[in-house]
Amino acid sequence: MAKSVAKACLRFTGLFEAELLTELMLRFWKHPLADDAEFRSNLLESAADVLRASADGERIFDELKPNRVNFVAAIW
């Protein structure tokens, strides 16, 4: 059975490191709401939803198989 990147990344979303990475990505991308803690929290929750759906086999991205969706794609 192939390993699911989506499942591994979903486990990552509960860690402090996921919060930190989310903030750093938003700052690097110069997102206008990078300083908004509530926005970042909601974004991280939405990314977890994307990863959960992907881990369950739902196709979210045309370019990626559901089990190949990673944390950065989910945040994007």
C-alpha atoms as a PDB file:
ATOM      1  CA  MET A   1       0.000   0.000   0.000  1.00  0.00           C
ATOM      2  CA  ALA A   2       1.353   3.427  -0.943  1.00  0.00           C
ATOM      3  CA  LYS A   3       2.082   5.885   1.848  1.00  0.00           C
ATOM      4  CA  SER A   4      -0.267   8.829   2.047  1.00  0.00           C
ATOM      5  CA  VAL A   5       1.433  12.203   2.206  1.00  0.00           C
ATOM      6  CA  ALA A   6      -1.949  13.718   3.079  1.00  0.00           C
ATOM      7  CA  LYS A   7      -2.319  11.508   6.175  1.00  0.00           C
ATOM      8  CA  ALA A   8       1.198  12.303   7.366  1.00  0.00           C
ATOM      9  CA  CYS A   9       0.654  16.038   6.852  1.00  0.00           C
ATOM     10  CA  LEU A  10      -2.704  15.899   8.621  1.00  0.00           C
ATOM     11  CA  ARG A  11      -0.926  14.616  11.732  1.00  0.00           C
ATOM     12  CA  PHE A  12       1.514  17.546  11.400  1.00  0.00           C
ATOM     13  CA  THR A  13      -1.283  20.157  11.570  1.00  0.00           C
ATOM     14  CA  GLY A  14      -1.727  19.601  15.303  1.00  0.00           C
ATOM     15  CA  LEU A  15       1.836  20.581  16.099  1.00  0.00           C
ATOM     16  CA  PHE A  16       3.203  24.009  17.024  1.00  0.00           C
ATOM     17  CA  GLU A  17       5.561  23.677  14.068  1.00  0.00           C
ATOM     18  CA  ALA A  18       2.574  23.790  11.703  1.00  0.00           C
ATOM     19  CA  GLU A  19       1.496  27.108  13.201  1.00  0.00           C
ATOM     20  CA  LEU A  20       5.009  28.454  12.852  1.00  0.00           C
ATOM     21  CA  LEU A  21       5.382  27.223   9.270  1.00  0.00           C
ATOM     22  CA  THR A  22       2.026  28.747   8.347  1.00  0.00           C
ATOM     23  CA  GLU A  23       3.108  32.125   9.681  1.00  0.00           C
ATOM     24  CA  LEU A  24       6.491  31.950   7.968  1.00  0.00           C
ATOM     25  CA  MET A  25       4.938  30.998   4.619  1.00  0.00           C
ATOM     26  CA  LEU A  26       2.467  33.868   4.815  1.00  0.00           C
ATOM     27  CA  ARG A  27       5.256  36.303   5.625  1.00  0.00           C
ATOM     28  CA  PHE A  28       7.468  34.955   2.816  1.00  0.00           C
ATOM     29  CA  TRP A  29       4.550  35.207   0.377  1.00  0.00           C
ATOM     30  CA  LYS A  30       3.950  38.765   1.682  1.00  0.00           C
ATOM     31  CA  HIS A  31       0.310  37.955   2.400  1.00  0.00           C
ATOM     32  CA  PRO A  32      -1.533  41.071   3.633  1.00  0.00           C
ATOM     33  CA  LEU A  33      -2.987  39.161   6.616  1.00  0.00           C
ATOM     34  CA  ALA A  34       0.258  37.526   7.732  1.00  0.00           C
ATOM     35  CA  ASP A  35       0.135  39.421  11.035  1.00  0.00           C
ATOM     36  CA  ASP A  36      -3.461  38.405  11.800  1.00  0.00           C
ATOM     37  CA  ALA A  37      -3.349  35.513  14.290  1.00  0.00           C
ATOM     38  CA  GLU A  38      -7.036  34.667  13.815  1.00  0.00           C
ATOM     39  CA  PHE A  39      -6.606  34.476  10.036  1.00  0.00           C
ATOM     40  CA  ARG A  40      -3.602  32.161  10.444  1.00  0.00           C
ATOM     41  CA  SER A  41      -5.520  29.939  12.839  1.00  0.00           C
ATOM     42  CA  ASN A  42      -8.488  29.712  10.456  1.00  0.00           C
ATOM     43  CA  LEU A  43      -6.159  29.021   7.557  1.00  0.00           C
ATOM     44  CA  LEU A  44      -4.491  26.184   9.453  1.00  0.00           C
ATOM     45  CA  GLU A  45      -7.907  24.704  10.292  1.00  0.00           C
ATOM     46  CA  SER A  46      -8.905  24.943   6.620  1.00  0.00           C
ATOM     47  CA  ALA A  47      -5.663  23.257   5.580  1.00  0.00           C
ATOM     48  CA  ALA A  48      -6.419  20.427   8.021  1.00  0.00           C
ATOM     49  CA  ASP A  49      -9.856  20.074   6.407  1.00  0.00           C
ATOM     50  CA  VAL A  50      -8.247  19.850   2.956  1.00  0.00           C
ATOM     51  CA  LEU A  51      -5.775  17.248   4.181  1.00  0.00           C
ATOM     52  CA  ARG A  52      -8.521  15.254   5.917  1.00  0.00           C
ATOM     53  CA  ALA A  53     -10.633  15.212   2.751  1.00  0.00           C
ATOM     54  CA  SER A  54      -7.600  14.286   0.666  1.00  0.00           C
ATOM     55  CA  ALA A  55      -6.665  11.498   3.070  1.00  0.00           C
ATOM     56  CA  ASP A  56     -10.215  10.189   2.634  1.00  0.00           C
ATOM     57  CA  GLY A  57      -9.701  10.106  -1.138  1.00  0.00           C
ATOM     58  CA  GLU A  58     -11.465  13.310  -2.174  1.00  0.00           C
ATOM     59  CA  ARG A  59      -9.787  15.030  -5.126  1.00  0.00           C
ATOM     60  CA  ILE A  60      -9.191  18.698  -4.268  1.00  0.00           C
ATOM     61  CA  PHE A  61      -6.500  19.593  -6.822  1.00  0.00           C
ATOM     62  CA  ASP A  62      -6.561  18.646 -10.501  1.00  0.00           C
ATOM     63  CA  GLU A  63      -2.771  18.312 -10.520  1.00  0.00           C
ATOM     64  CA  LEU A  64      -2.389  16.132  -7.407  1.00  0.00           C
ATOM     65  CA  LYS A  65      -3.724  12.735  -6.477  1.00  0.00           C
ATOM     66  CA  PRO A  66      -5.526  12.957  -3.122  1.00  0.00           C
ATOM     67  CA  ASN A  67      -2.910  10.907  -1.252  1.00  0.00           C
ATOM     68  CA  ARG A  68      -0.124  13.205  -2.568  1.00  0.00           C
ATOM     69  CA  VAL A  69      -1.547  16.492  -1.201  1.00  0.00           C
ATOM     70  CA  ASN A  70       0.967  18.033   1.187  1.00  0.00           C
ATOM     71  CA  PHE A  71       0.845  20.728   3.836  1.00  0.00           C
ATOM     72  CA  VAL A  72       2.073  23.533   1.565  1.00  0.00           C
ATOM     73  CA  ALA A  73      -0.530  22.692  -1.101  1.00  0.00           C
ATOM     74  CA  ALA A  74      -3.254  22.622   1.551  1.00  0.00           C
ATOM     75  CA  ILE A  75      -2.212  26.043   2.834  1.00  0.00           C
ATOM     76  CA  TRP A  76      -2.041  27.442  -0.698  1.00  0.00           C
END
